[in-house]
Amino acid sequence: MLLRSTSLAVLLLATACKAAPPASTPPAIATTSAPEALIQGPPPPTTHSANKPTGADVLKLTQQYVAAAPKRPVNSPGHAAAEAFIKAHFAPEAAKGNFIDDTFQATNTPIGPVVMHNFIVKFPGKKDGLIVLASHYETNYPLKDINFVGANDGACTTALLIALGQYYRDHPPQGYSVWLLFDDGEEAIGNNGMTGSDQLYGVRHLAAKWSGDGTLKRIKAFIVADMLGWKQMNIDKEQNSTPWLLDLLAKAGKDTGHSAYLFKNSLAIDDDHIPFKDRGVPVLDVIAYTYGQPDSTRPGDYTFHHTAEDSMDKLSATTLGVTADLFLDLVKLIDQR
């Protein structure tokens, strides 16, 4: 995601969110071999309660995901392992034709053409229309040569969507259909951060595709989950989001008793919701951009973001439980609107 502008308590964040560039462009990842853990494939899907997902559920899924695919840059064995992990958790939906592999080729990346995959999991509802819950699942390509696992940035929100999918399998939506979107290529591939067309590959492709086939008109809300697992998480009032959806997020905070986790900071971010916003879809970016302390070496960024410090020890089952509660209540509130 790319930080646009800030206000109030985050005036210090005045520049783009980008990782410090390496001294030289890294070579493309070799795909001819993989660590033994990746070759063995993903673990069997996590057993779960028929009740709503807990923070412990989401944390366990995150641990399993990071173990199966610790480094997930595009065009790598780890990326393929991440895809296998997601697919393994939605076999029942695949059997019904409700798991879609939206494969496309990103042609103009800094490393040349790259085949990418968006995964869409559909849970049919009873009302005409749909709510999309989205998270990117890959890790930052320029950081492929360090121990960057993206525990907070991509892993925990992928796990959140899997847990929500398990819930909607047992409790089919009674209002609008719910579609889960595991989108590919959110992160920049080059060394200059998220600039121009080097970002948001999956959602840019999908927004255009859904505009052409009529799906876009059916979307009642497009909601992004990003960076929502840190122990000290506070979800930003993201200014590129649709106002009425921000209002519903605030109401969800009150409904669930989690208002203290919301809106300490107000800022605008370029994230996976932007291509949909640009096409007139109501959007909400549920993101907690603050992650660690302000990083003096990268003005506008934080010490845990896009560094090897984005590790499992930063996450909290309590925080992940808050996030799951908020998303379930958001869906309910949109249905009632």
C-alpha atoms as a PDB file:
ATOM      1  CA  MET A   1       0.000   0.000   0.000  1.00  0.00           C
ATOM      2  CA  LEU A   2       1.108   3.567  -0.639  1.00  0.00           C
ATOM      3  CA  LEU A   3       0.586   6.384   1.846  1.00  0.00           C
ATOM      4  CA  ARG A   4      -0.916   9.449   0.127  1.00  0.00           C
ATOM      5  CA  SER A   5      -1.396  12.074   2.805  1.00  0.00           C
ATOM      6  CA  THR A   6      -2.025  12.403   6.504  1.00  0.00           C
ATOM      7  CA  SER A   7      -3.691  14.493   9.134  1.00  0.00           C
ATOM      8  CA  LEU A   8      -4.175  14.886  12.882  1.00  0.00           C
ATOM      9  CA  ALA A   9      -1.989  12.511  14.883  1.00  0.00           C
ATOM     10  CA  VAL A  10       0.028  11.263  11.905  1.00  0.00           C
ATOM     11  CA  LEU A  11       1.300  14.493  10.372  1.00  0.00           C
ATOM     12  CA  LEU A  12       4.786  13.066  10.514  1.00  0.00           C
ATOM     13  CA  LEU A  13       3.842  10.591   7.765  1.00  0.00           C
ATOM     14  CA  ALA A  14       4.295  12.908   4.807  1.00  0.00           C
ATOM     15  CA  THR A  15       5.922  10.671   2.246  1.00  0.00           C
ATOM     16  CA  ALA A  16       5.177   7.498   0.313  1.00  0.00           C
ATOM     17  CA  CYS A  17       5.144   4.090   1.974  1.00  0.00           C
ATOM     18  CA  LYS A  18       7.969   2.250   0.319  1.00  0.00           C
ATOM     19  CA  ALA A  19      10.758  -0.041   1.415  1.00  0.00           C
ATOM     20  CA  ALA A  20      14.308   1.273   1.308  1.00  0.00           C
ATOM     21  CA  PRO A  21      15.571   0.238  -2.155  1.00  0.00           C
ATOM     22  CA  PRO A  22      18.407  -2.267  -2.415  1.00  0.00           C
ATOM     23  CA  ALA A  23      21.658  -1.095  -3.945  1.00  0.00           C
ATOM     24  CA  SER A  24      20.945  -2.948  -7.176  1.00  0.00           C
ATOM     25  CA  THR A  25      18.044  -4.674  -8.896  1.00  0.00           C
ATOM     26  CA  PRO A  26      17.772  -8.242  -7.637  1.00  0.00           C
ATOM     27  CA  PRO A  27      17.841 -11.102 -10.112  1.00  0.00           C
ATOM     28  CA  ALA A  28      14.667 -12.990 -10.944  1.00  0.00           C
ATOM     29  CA  ILE A  29      13.839 -15.830  -8.592  1.00  0.00           C
ATOM     30  CA  ALA A  30      14.781 -19.269  -9.808  1.00  0.00           C
ATOM     31  CA  THR A  31      11.800 -21.611  -9.853  1.00  0.00           C
ATOM     32  CA  THR A  32      13.536 -24.916 -10.521  1.00  0.00           C
ATOM     33  CA  SER A  33      13.831 -25.969  -6.894  1.00  0.00           C
ATOM     34  CA  ALA A  34      12.100 -25.433  -3.582  1.00  0.00           C
ATOM     35  CA  PRO A  35      12.856 -26.050   0.060  1.00  0.00           C
ATOM     36  CA  GLU A  36      11.754 -29.453   1.338  1.00  0.00           C
ATOM     37  CA  ALA A  37       8.944 -27.889   3.409  1.00  0.00           C
ATOM     38  CA  LEU A  38       7.448 -26.372   0.255  1.00  0.00           C
ATOM     39  CA  ILE A  39       7.725 -29.565  -1.770  1.00  0.00           C
ATOM     40  CA  GLN A  40       5.719 -31.432   0.847  1.00  0.00           C
ATOM     41  CA  GLY A  41       2.751 -29.158   0.223  1.00  0.00           C
ATOM     42  CA  PRO A  42       0.404 -27.390   2.645  1.00  0.00           C
ATOM     43  CA  PRO A  43      -0.808 -28.942   5.876  1.00  0.00           C
ATOM     44  CA  PRO A  44      -4.348 -30.312   5.969  1.00  0.00           C
ATOM     45  CA  PRO A  45      -7.012 -27.639   6.451  1.00  0.00           C
ATOM     46  CA  THR A  46      -7.405 -26.448  10.018  1.00  0.00           C
ATOM     47  CA  THR A  47     -10.299 -27.889  11.960  1.00  0.00           C
ATOM     48  CA  HIS A  48     -12.577 -25.186  13.286  1.00  0.00           C
ATOM     49  CA  SER A  49     -15.595 -24.527  15.398  1.00  0.00           C
ATOM     50  CA  ALA A  50     -18.980 -23.960  13.775  1.00  0.00           C
ATOM     51  CA  ASN A  51     -19.150 -20.741  15.771  1.00  0.00           C
ATOM     52  CA  LYS A  52     -17.652 -17.442  14.664  1.00  0.00           C
ATOM     53  CA  PRO A  53     -13.874 -17.405  14.157  1.00  0.00           C
ATOM     54  CA  THR A  54     -11.771 -16.518  17.169  1.00  0.00           C
ATOM     55  CA  GLY A  55      -8.465 -14.722  17.322  1.00  0.00           C
ATOM     56  CA  ALA A  56      -6.842 -18.038  18.250  1.00  0.00           C
ATOM     57  CA  ASP A  57      -8.273 -19.577  15.071  1.00  0.00           C
ATOM     58  CA  VAL A  58      -6.879 -16.792  12.898  1.00  0.00           C
ATOM     59  CA  LEU A  59      -3.499 -16.833  14.643  1.00  0.00           C
ATOM     60  CA  LYS A  60      -3.186 -20.604  14.154  1.00  0.00           C
ATOM     61  CA  LEU A  61      -4.008 -20.263  10.463  1.00  0.00           C
ATOM     62  CA  THR A  62      -1.438 -17.479  10.158  1.00  0.00           C
ATOM     63  CA  GLN A  63       1.219 -19.657  11.779  1.00  0.00           C
ATOM     64  CA  GLN A  64       0.411 -22.497   9.377  1.00  0.00           C
ATOM     65  CA  TYR A  65       0.433 -20.206   6.353  1.00  0.00           C
ATOM     66  CA  VAL A  66       3.799 -18.662   7.238  1.00  0.00           C
ATOM     67  CA  ALA A  67       5.234 -22.122   7.918  1.00  0.00           C
ATOM     68  CA  ALA A  68       4.027 -23.418   4.540  1.00  0.00           C
ATOM     69  CA  ALA A  69       5.047 -20.325   2.573  1.00  0.00           C
ATOM     70  CA  PRO A  70       7.298 -18.041   4.620  1.00  0.00           C
ATOM     71  CA  LYS A  71       8.470 -16.018   1.604  1.00  0.00           C
ATOM     72  CA  ARG A  72       5.845 -15.468  -1.071  1.00  0.00           C
ATOM     73  CA  PRO A  73       7.145 -13.080  -3.759  1.00  0.00           C
ATOM     74  CA  VAL A  74       5.645 -13.515  -7.204  1.00  0.00           C
ATOM     75  CA  ASN A  75       7.270 -16.020  -9.521  1.00  0.00           C
ATOM     76  CA  SER A  76       8.738 -18.108  -6.675  1.00  0.00           C
ATOM     77  CA  PRO A  77       8.273 -21.562  -5.106  1.00  0.00           C
ATOM     78  CA  GLY A  78       6.989 -19.871  -1.952  1.00  0.00           C
ATOM     79  CA  HIS A  79       4.323 -18.078  -3.952  1.00  0.00           C
ATOM     80  CA  ALA A  80       3.190 -21.400  -5.410  1.00  0.00           C
ATOM     81  CA  ALA A  81       3.106 -22.870  -1.898  1.00  0.00           C
ATOM     82  CA  ALA A  82       0.906 -19.980  -0.737  1.00  0.00           C
ATOM     83  CA  GLU A  83      -1.505 -20.657  -3.582  1.00  0.00           C
ATOM     84  CA  ALA A  84      -1.625 -24.359  -2.711  1.00  0.00           C
ATOM     85  CA  PHE A  85      -2.343 -23.506   0.933  1.00  0.00           C
ATOM     86  CA  ILE A  86      -5.294 -21.291   0.010  1.00  0.00           C
ATOM     87  CA  LYS A  87      -6.712 -23.826  -2.441  1.00  0.00           C
ATOM     88  CA  ALA A  88      -6.477 -26.633   0.114  1.00  0.00           C
ATOM     89  CA  HIS A  89      -8.810 -24.767   2.462  1.00  0.00           C
ATOM     90  CA  PHE A  90     -11.585 -24.358  -0.095  1.00  0.00           C
ATOM     91  CA  ALA A  91     -12.028 -27.829  -1.576  1.00  0.00           C
ATOM     92  CA  PRO A  92     -15.779 -27.856  -0.752  1.00  0.00           C
ATOM     93  CA  GLU A  93     -16.272 -24.591  -2.617  1.00  0.00           C
ATOM     94  CA  ALA A  94     -14.198 -25.823  -5.557  1.00  0.00           C
ATOM     95  CA  ALA A  95     -16.404 -28.931  -5.783  1.00  0.00           C
ATOM     96  CA  LYS A  96     -19.434 -26.656  -6.157  1.00  0.00           C
ATOM     97  CA  GLY A  97     -17.774 -24.414  -8.753  1.00  0.00           C
ATOM     98  CA  ASN A  98     -17.506 -21.578  -6.232  1.00  0.00           C
ATOM     99  CA  PHE A  99     -13.705 -21.351  -6.169  1.00  0.00           C
ATOM    100  CA  ILE A 100     -12.405 -19.342  -9.124  1.00  0.00           C
ATOM    101  CA  ASP A 101      -8.766 -19.120 -10.205  1.00  0.00           C
ATOM    102  CA  ASP A 102      -8.584 -15.830 -12.076  1.00  0.00           C
ATOM    103  CA  THR A 103      -5.274 -16.305 -13.899  1.00  0.00           C
ATOM    104  CA  PHE A 104      -3.787 -13.414 -15.838  1.00  0.00           C
ATOM    105  CA  GLN A 105      -0.433 -12.172 -17.078  1.00  0.00           C
ATOM    106  CA  ALA A 106       0.969  -8.887 -15.785  1.00  0.00           C
ATOM    107  CA  THR A 107       2.920  -7.833 -18.859  1.00  0.00           C
ATOM    108  CA  ASN A 108       4.707  -4.640 -17.865  1.00  0.00           C
ATOM    109  CA  THR A 109       6.485  -5.441 -14.618  1.00  0.00           C
ATOM    110  CA  PRO A 110      10.103  -4.500 -13.836  1.00  0.00           C
ATOM    111  CA  ILE A 111      11.074  -8.185 -14.237  1.00  0.00           C
ATOM    112  CA  GLY A 112       9.073  -8.778 -17.406  1.00  0.00           C
ATOM    113  CA  PRO A 113       5.801 -10.688 -17.851  1.00  0.00           C
ATOM    114  CA  VAL A 114       4.588 -12.483 -14.727  1.00  0.00           C
ATOM    115  CA  VAL A 115       1.668 -14.894 -14.463  1.00  0.00           C
ATOM    116  CA  MET A 116      -0.488 -14.038 -11.452  1.00  0.00           C
ATOM    117  CA  HIS A 117      -3.539 -15.557  -9.807  1.00  0.00           C
ATOM    118  CA  ASN A 118      -6.478 -13.972  -8.038  1.00  0.00           C
ATOM    119  CA  PHE A 119      -8.594 -16.470  -6.112  1.00  0.00           C
ATOM    120  CA  ILE A 120     -12.307 -15.745  -5.651  1.00  0.00           C
ATOM    121  CA  VAL A 121     -14.374 -17.844  -3.236  1.00  0.00           C
ATOM    122  CA  LYS A 122     -18.133 -17.384  -3.530  1.00  0.00           C
ATOM    123  CA  PHE A 123     -20.662 -17.875  -0.744  1.00  0.00           C
ATOM    124  CA  PRO A 124     -24.118 -17.307  -2.272  1.00  0.00           C
ATOM    125  CA  GLY A 125     -26.617 -15.246  -0.320  1.00  0.00           C
ATOM    126  CA  LYS A 126     -30.332 -14.588  -0.558  1.00  0.00           C
ATOM    127  CA  LYS A 127     -30.275 -10.962  -1.741  1.00  0.00           C
ATOM    128  CA  ASP A 128     -29.279  -9.680  -5.163  1.00  0.00           C
ATOM    129  CA  GLY A 129     -25.818  -8.196  -4.810  1.00  0.00           C
ATOM    130  CA  LEU A 130     -22.510  -9.086  -3.249  1.00  0.00           C
ATOM    131  CA  ILE A 131     -19.952  -7.973  -0.680  1.00  0.00           C
ATOM    132  CA  VAL A 132     -16.290  -8.530  -1.522  1.00  0.00           C
ATOM    133  CA  LEU A 133     -13.757  -9.062   1.293  1.00  0.00           C
ATOM    134  CA  ALA A 134     -10.193  -8.826  -0.029  1.00  0.00           C
ATOM    135  CA  SER A 135      -6.596  -9.354   1.052  1.00  0.00           C
ATOM    136  CA  HIS A 136      -3.354  -9.712  -0.873  1.00  0.00           C
ATOM    137  CA  TYR A 137      -1.454 -12.920  -0.161  1.00  0.00           C
ATOM    138  CA  GLU A 138       2.043 -12.380  -1.601  1.00  0.00           C
ATOM    139  CA  THR A 139       5.116 -10.729  -0.091  1.00  0.00           C
ATOM    140  CA  ASN A 140       7.277  -7.887  -1.331  1.00  0.00           C
ATOM    141  CA  TYR A 141       9.522  -8.948  -4.244  1.00  0.00           C
ATOM    142  CA  PRO A 142      12.480  -6.614  -3.533  1.00  0.00           C
ATOM    143  CA  LEU A 143      12.714  -8.138  -0.032  1.00  0.00           C
ATOM    144  CA  LYS A 144      12.969 -11.700  -1.294  1.00  0.00           C
ATOM    145  CA  ASP A 145      16.612 -12.036  -0.215  1.00  0.00           C
ATOM    146  CA  ILE A 146      16.011 -11.197   3.454  1.00  0.00           C
ATOM    147  CA  ASN A 147      13.965 -13.047   6.073  1.00  0.00           C
ATOM    148  CA  PHE A 148      10.750 -11.169   5.314  1.00  0.00           C
ATOM    149  CA  VAL A 149       7.641 -13.268   5.998  1.00  0.00           C
ATOM    150  CA  GLY A 150       5.002 -10.516   6.048  1.00  0.00           C
ATOM    151  CA  ALA A 151       3.261 -11.867   9.146  1.00  0.00           C
ATOM    152  CA  ASN A 152       1.215  -8.697   9.515  1.00  0.00           C
ATOM    153  CA  ASP A 153       1.460  -7.567   5.900  1.00  0.00           C
ATOM    154  CA  GLY A 154      -0.441 -10.203   3.972  1.00  0.00           C
ATOM    155  CA  ALA A 155      -0.254 -13.373   6.083  1.00  0.00           C
ATOM    156  CA  CYS A 156      -2.656 -12.616   8.929  1.00  0.00           C
ATOM    157  CA  THR A 157      -5.300 -11.112   6.642  1.00  0.00           C
ATOM    158  CA  THR A 158      -5.053 -14.108   4.296  1.00  0.00           C
ATOM    159  CA  ALA A 159      -5.671 -16.257   7.377  1.00  0.00           C
ATOM    160  CA  LEU A 160      -8.557 -13.980   8.372  1.00  0.00           C
ATOM    161  CA  LEU A 161     -10.267 -14.527   5.025  1.00  0.00           C
ATOM    162  CA  ILE A 162      -9.782 -18.290   5.293  1.00  0.00           C
ATOM    163  CA  ALA A 163     -11.352 -18.246   8.773  1.00  0.00           C
ATOM    164  CA  LEU A 164     -14.250 -16.136   7.518  1.00  0.00           C
ATOM    165  CA  GLY A 165     -14.708 -18.574   4.675  1.00  0.00           C
ATOM    166  CA  GLN A 166     -14.958 -21.459   7.126  1.00  0.00           C
ATOM    167  CA  TYR A 167     -17.594 -19.488   9.011  1.00  0.00           C
ATOM    168  CA  TYR A 168     -19.681 -18.711   5.900  1.00  0.00           C
ATOM    169  CA  ARG A 169     -19.443 -22.363   4.815  1.00  0.00           C
ATOM    170  CA  ASP A 170     -21.211 -23.302   8.066  1.00  0.00           C
ATOM    171  CA  HIS A 171     -23.399 -20.184   8.153  1.00  0.00           C
ATOM    172  CA  PRO A 172     -24.365 -19.297   4.554  1.00  0.00           C
ATOM    173  CA  PRO A 173     -25.006 -15.568   4.083  1.00  0.00           C
ATOM    174  CA  GLN A 174     -28.621 -14.630   4.679  1.00  0.00           C
ATOM    175  CA  GLY A 175     -28.274 -11.267   2.945  1.00  0.00           C
ATOM    176  CA  TYR A 176     -25.956 -10.395   0.091  1.00  0.00           C
ATOM    177  CA  SER A 177     -23.565 -12.983  -1.281  1.00  0.00           C
ATOM    178  CA  VAL A 178     -20.080 -12.819   0.233  1.00  0.00           C
ATOM    179  CA  TRP A 179     -17.090 -13.231  -2.070  1.00  0.00           C
ATOM    180  CA  LEU A 180     -13.601 -13.618  -0.667  1.00  0.00           C
ATOM    181  CA  LEU A 181     -10.833 -12.244  -2.866  1.00  0.00           C
ATOM    182  CA  PHE A 182      -7.235 -13.372  -2.364  1.00  0.00           C
ATOM    183  CA  ASP A 183      -5.569 -10.928  -4.720  1.00  0.00           C
ATOM    184  CA  ASP A 184      -2.116 -11.211  -6.213  1.00  0.00           C
ATOM    185  CA  GLY A 185       0.482  -8.560  -6.993  1.00  0.00           C
ATOM    186  CA  GLU A 186      -0.502  -5.856  -4.526  1.00  0.00           C
ATOM    187  CA  GLU A 187       3.133  -5.134  -3.706  1.00  0.00           C
ATOM    188  CA  ALA A 188       5.596  -3.405  -6.016  1.00  0.00           C
ATOM    189  CA  ILE A 189       7.986  -5.652  -7.939  1.00  0.00           C
ATOM    190  CA  GLY A 190      10.625  -3.015  -8.676  1.00  0.00           C
ATOM    191  CA  ASN A 191      12.872  -1.140  -6.275  1.00  0.00           C
ATOM    192  CA  ASN A 192      11.106   2.223  -6.348  1.00  0.00           C
ATOM    193  CA  GLY A 193       8.154   1.352  -4.162  1.00  0.00           C
ATOM    194  CA  MET A 194       4.516   1.432  -5.199  1.00  0.00           C
ATOM    195  CA  THR A 195       4.645   3.937  -8.014  1.00  0.00           C
ATOM    196  CA  GLY A 196       2.790   4.195 -11.296  1.00  0.00           C
ATOM    197  CA  SER A 197       1.699   0.837 -12.652  1.00  0.00           C
ATOM    198  CA  ASP A 198       4.084  -1.156 -10.449  1.00  0.00           C
ATOM    199  CA  GLN A 199       1.458  -1.965  -7.841  1.00  0.00           C
ATOM    200  CA  LEU A 200      -2.038  -3.371  -7.370  1.00  0.00           C
ATOM    201  CA  TYR A 201      -1.695  -5.728 -10.343  1.00  0.00           C
ATOM    202  CA  GLY A 202      -4.401  -8.173  -9.308  1.00  0.00           C
ATOM    203  CA  VAL A 203      -7.111  -5.712  -8.376  1.00  0.00           C
ATOM    204  CA  ARG A 204      -6.458  -3.488 -11.404  1.00  0.00           C
ATOM    205  CA  HIS A 205      -6.944  -6.523 -13.628  1.00  0.00           C
ATOM    206  CA  LEU A 206     -10.047  -7.689 -11.774  1.00  0.00           C
ATOM    207  CA  ALA A 207     -11.728  -4.276 -11.603  1.00  0.00           C
ATOM    208  CA  ALA A 208     -11.426  -3.995 -15.390  1.00  0.00           C
ATOM    209  CA  LYS A 209     -12.634  -7.565 -15.917  1.00  0.00           C
ATOM    210  CA  TRP A 210     -15.634  -7.162 -13.633  1.00  0.00           C
ATOM    211  CA  SER A 211     -16.480  -3.844 -15.237  1.00  0.00           C
ATOM    212  CA  GLY A 212     -16.710  -5.612 -18.575  1.00  0.00           C
ATOM    213  CA  ASP A 213     -18.805  -8.592 -17.484  1.00  0.00           C
ATOM    214  CA  GLY A 214     -21.268  -6.674 -15.293  1.00  0.00           C
ATOM    215  CA  THR A 215     -20.071  -7.977 -11.924  1.00  0.00           C
ATOM    216  CA  LEU A 216     -18.993  -4.499 -10.807  1.00  0.00           C
ATOM    217  CA  LYS A 217     -22.601  -3.283 -10.787  1.00  0.00           C
ATOM    218  CA  ARG A 218     -23.551  -5.980  -8.305  1.00  0.00           C
ATOM    219  CA  ILE A 219     -20.943  -5.061  -5.688  1.00  0.00           C
ATOM    220  CA  LYS A 220     -22.511  -3.336  -2.685  1.00  0.00           C
ATOM    221  CA  ALA A 221     -19.165  -2.928  -0.885  1.00  0.00           C
ATOM    222  CA  PHE A 222     -15.534  -3.790  -1.600  1.00  0.00           C
ATOM    223  CA  ILE A 223     -13.671  -4.143   1.715  1.00  0.00           C
ATOM    224  CA  VAL A 224      -9.906  -4.586   2.049  1.00  0.00           C
ATOM    225  CA  ALA A 225      -8.192  -6.179   5.046  1.00  0.00           C
ATOM    226  CA  ASP A 226      -4.569  -5.074   5.456  1.00  0.00           C
ATOM    227  CA  MET A 227      -2.056  -5.096   8.341  1.00  0.00           C
ATOM    228  CA  LEU A 228      -4.540  -6.062  11.041  1.00  0.00           C
ATOM    229  CA  GLY A 229      -2.663  -8.321  13.441  1.00  0.00           C
ATOM    230  CA  TRP A 230      -0.188  -6.193  15.428  1.00  0.00           C
ATOM    231  CA  LYS A 231      -0.543  -6.305  19.208  1.00  0.00           C
ATOM    232  CA  GLN A 232      -0.895  -2.508  19.270  1.00  0.00           C
ATOM    233  CA  MET A 233      -3.179  -2.264  16.236  1.00  0.00           C
ATOM    234  CA  ASN A 234      -5.376   0.773  15.736  1.00  0.00           C
ATOM    235  CA  ILE A 235      -7.376   0.880  12.523  1.00  0.00           C
ATOM    236  CA  ASP A 236      -7.041   4.114  10.572  1.00  0.00           C
ATOM    237  CA  LYS A 237      -9.862   6.301   9.340  1.00  0.00           C
ATOM    238  CA  GLU A 238      -8.778   5.828   5.729  1.00  0.00           C
ATOM    239  CA  GLN A 239      -9.753   8.841   3.659  1.00  0.00           C
ATOM    240  CA  ASN A 240     -10.052   7.119   0.263  1.00  0.00           C
ATOM    241  CA  SER A 241     -12.838   4.987   1.707  1.00  0.00           C
ATOM    242  CA  THR A 242     -16.535   5.653   1.123  1.00  0.00           C
ATOM    243  CA  PRO A 243     -17.932   7.765   4.007  1.00  0.00           C
ATOM    244  CA  TRP A 244     -20.967   5.609   4.754  1.00  0.00           C
ATOM    245  CA  LEU A 245     -18.739   2.531   5.020  1.00  0.00           C
ATOM    246  CA  LEU A 246     -16.480   4.358   7.465  1.00  0.00           C
ATOM    247  CA  ASP A 247     -19.629   5.142   9.458  1.00  0.00           C
ATOM    248  CA  LEU A 248     -20.585   1.458   9.453  1.00  0.00           C
ATOM    249  CA  LEU A 249     -17.086   0.506  10.606  1.00  0.00           C
ATOM    250  CA  ALA A 250     -17.487   2.910  13.514  1.00  0.00           C
ATOM    251  CA  LYS A 251     -20.865   1.344  14.304  1.00  0.00           C
ATOM    252  CA  ALA A 252     -19.340  -2.121  14.118  1.00  0.00           C
ATOM    253  CA  GLY A 253     -16.791  -0.962  16.669  1.00  0.00           C
ATOM    254  CA  LYS A 254     -19.590   0.066  19.012  1.00  0.00           C
ATOM    255  CA  ASP A 255     -21.625  -3.084  18.360  1.00  0.00           C
ATOM    256  CA  THR A 256     -18.697  -5.352  19.209  1.00  0.00           C
ATOM    257  CA  GLY A 257     -17.212  -3.282  22.015  1.00  0.00           C
ATOM    258  CA  HIS A 258     -14.061  -2.599  19.997  1.00  0.00           C
ATOM    259  CA  SER A 259     -14.277   1.167  19.435  1.00  0.00           C
ATOM    260  CA  ALA A 260     -10.932   1.644  21.181  1.00  0.00           C
ATOM    261  CA  TYR A 261      -9.264  -0.091  18.217  1.00  0.00           C
ATOM    262  CA  LEU A 262     -10.572   2.449  15.709  1.00  0.00           C
ATOM    263  CA  PHE A 263      -9.689   5.818  14.228  1.00  0.00           C
ATOM    264  CA  LYS A 264      -6.845   7.129  16.337  1.00  0.00           C
ATOM    265  CA  ASN A 265      -5.304   8.297  13.053  1.00  0.00           C
ATOM    266  CA  SER A 266      -6.773   9.630   9.827  1.00  0.00           C
ATOM    267  CA  LEU A 267      -4.897   9.246   6.535  1.00  0.00           C
ATOM    268  CA  ALA A 268      -5.303   8.429   2.855  1.00  0.00           C
ATOM    269  CA  ILE A 269      -3.704   5.310   1.396  1.00  0.00           C
ATOM    270  CA  ASP A 270      -3.414   3.846  -2.086  1.00  0.00           C
ATOM    271  CA  ASP A 271      -4.383   0.232  -1.481  1.00  0.00           C
ATOM    272  CA  ASP A 272      -6.316  -2.551  -3.176  1.00  0.00           C
ATOM    273  CA  HIS A 273      -9.575  -0.611  -2.982  1.00  0.00           C
ATOM    274  CA  ILE A 274      -8.462   2.212  -5.301  1.00  0.00           C
ATOM    275  CA  PRO A 275      -9.184   0.585  -8.706  1.00  0.00           C
ATOM    276  CA  PHE A 276     -12.706  -0.164  -7.491  1.00  0.00           C
ATOM    277  CA  LYS A 277     -13.207   3.285  -6.033  1.00  0.00           C
ATOM    278  CA  ASP A 278     -12.142   4.755  -9.369  1.00  0.00           C
ATOM    279  CA  ARG A 279     -14.946   2.781 -11.032  1.00  0.00           C
ATOM    280  CA  GLY A 280     -17.618   4.003  -8.610  1.00  0.00           C
ATOM    281  CA  VAL A 281     -17.815   1.031  -6.223  1.00  0.00           C
ATOM    282  CA  PRO A 282     -18.338   1.747  -2.498  1.00  0.00           C
ATOM    283  CA  VAL A 283     -15.026   0.839  -0.841  1.00  0.00           C
ATOM    284  CA  LEU A 284     -13.498   0.506   2.609  1.00  0.00           C
ATOM    285  CA  ASP A 285      -9.820   0.021   3.438  1.00  0.00           C
ATOM    286  CA  VAL A 286      -9.607  -1.570   6.889  1.00  0.00           C
ATOM    287  CA  ILE A 287      -5.939  -0.966   7.594  1.00  0.00           C
ATOM    288  CA  ALA A 288      -3.749  -0.176  10.577  1.00  0.00           C
ATOM    289  CA  TYR A 289      -0.797   1.490   8.897  1.00  0.00           C
ATOM    290  CA  THR A 290       1.173   2.293  12.050  1.00  0.00           C
ATOM    291  CA  TYR A 291       3.426  -0.698  12.683  1.00  0.00           C
ATOM    292  CA  GLY A 292       6.290  -0.166  15.089  1.00  0.00           C
ATOM    293  CA  GLN A 293       8.022   3.160  15.711  1.00  0.00           C
ATOM    294  CA  PRO A 294       8.576   5.893  13.100  1.00  0.00           C
ATOM    295  CA  ASP A 295      11.582   4.872  11.011  1.00  0.00           C
ATOM    296  CA  SER A 296      14.123   7.679  10.788  1.00  0.00           C
ATOM    297  CA  THR A 297      15.810   6.007   7.806  1.00  0.00           C
ATOM    298  CA  ARG A 298      12.543   5.915   5.835  1.00  0.00           C
ATOM    299  CA  PRO A 299      10.524   9.063   6.527  1.00  0.00           C
ATOM    300  CA  GLY A 300       6.824   8.302   6.670  1.00  0.00           C
ATOM    301  CA  ASP A 301       7.340   4.620   7.340  1.00  0.00           C
ATOM    302  CA  TYR A 302       7.564   2.390  10.416  1.00  0.00           C
ATOM    303  CA  THR A 303      10.236   0.077  11.758  1.00  0.00           C
ATOM    304  CA  PHE A 304       8.302  -3.186  11.341  1.00  0.00           C
ATOM    305  CA  HIS A 305       6.826  -2.425   7.908  1.00  0.00           C
ATOM    306  CA  HIS A 306       8.573  -4.076   4.948  1.00  0.00           C
ATOM    307  CA  THR A 307      11.451  -5.315   7.118  1.00  0.00           C
ATOM    308  CA  ALA A 308      12.473  -8.645   8.623  1.00  0.00           C
ATOM    309  CA  GLU A 309      10.836  -7.379  11.835  1.00  0.00           C
ATOM    310  CA  ASP A 310       7.392  -8.174  10.351  1.00  0.00           C
ATOM    311  CA  SER A 311       7.408 -11.518  12.146  1.00  0.00           C
ATOM    312  CA  MET A 312       4.972 -13.765  13.982  1.00  0.00           C
ATOM    313  CA  ASP A 313       5.927 -12.462  17.426  1.00  0.00           C
ATOM    314  CA  LYS A 314       4.317  -9.102  16.556  1.00  0.00           C
ATOM    315  CA  LEU A 315       0.861 -10.635  16.232  1.00  0.00           C
ATOM    316  CA  SER A 316      -1.818 -11.076  18.872  1.00  0.00           C
ATOM    317  CA  ALA A 317      -4.774 -13.446  19.067  1.00  0.00           C
ATOM    318  CA  THR A 318      -6.680 -10.674  20.855  1.00  0.00           C
ATOM    319  CA  THR A 319      -6.152  -8.249  17.992  1.00  0.00           C
ATOM    320  CA  LEU A 320      -7.019 -10.842  15.362  1.00  0.00           C
ATOM    321  CA  GLY A 321     -10.205 -11.638  17.264  1.00  0.00           C
ATOM    322  CA  VAL A 322     -11.143  -7.957  17.201  1.00  0.00           C
ATOM    323  CA  THR A 323     -10.588  -7.898  13.451  1.00  0.00           C
ATOM    324  CA  ALA A 324     -12.748 -10.976  12.865  1.00  0.00           C
ATOM    325  CA  ASP A 325     -15.559  -9.507  14.983  1.00  0.00           C
ATOM    326  CA  LEU A 326     -15.467  -6.248  13.038  1.00  0.00           C
ATOM    327  CA  PHE A 327     -15.631  -7.941   9.645  1.00  0.00           C
ATOM    328  CA  LEU A 328     -18.548 -10.169  10.593  1.00  0.00           C
ATOM    329  CA  ASP A 329     -20.467  -7.199  11.975  1.00  0.00           C
ATOM    330  CA  LEU A 330     -19.667  -5.075   8.918  1.00  0.00           C
ATOM    331  CA  VAL A 331     -21.229  -7.677   6.638  1.00  0.00           C
ATOM    332  CA  LYS A 332     -24.317  -7.778   8.860  1.00  0.00           C
ATOM    333  CA  LEU A 333     -24.630  -3.984   8.858  1.00  0.00           C
ATOM    334  CA  ILE A 334     -24.275  -3.747   5.075  1.00  0.00           C
ATOM    335  CA  ASP A 335     -27.007  -6.377   4.723  1.00  0.00           C
ATOM    336  CA  GLN A 336     -29.274  -4.281   6.942  1.00  0.00           C
ATOM    337  CA  ARG A 337     -28.626  -1.003   5.167  1.00  0.00           C
END
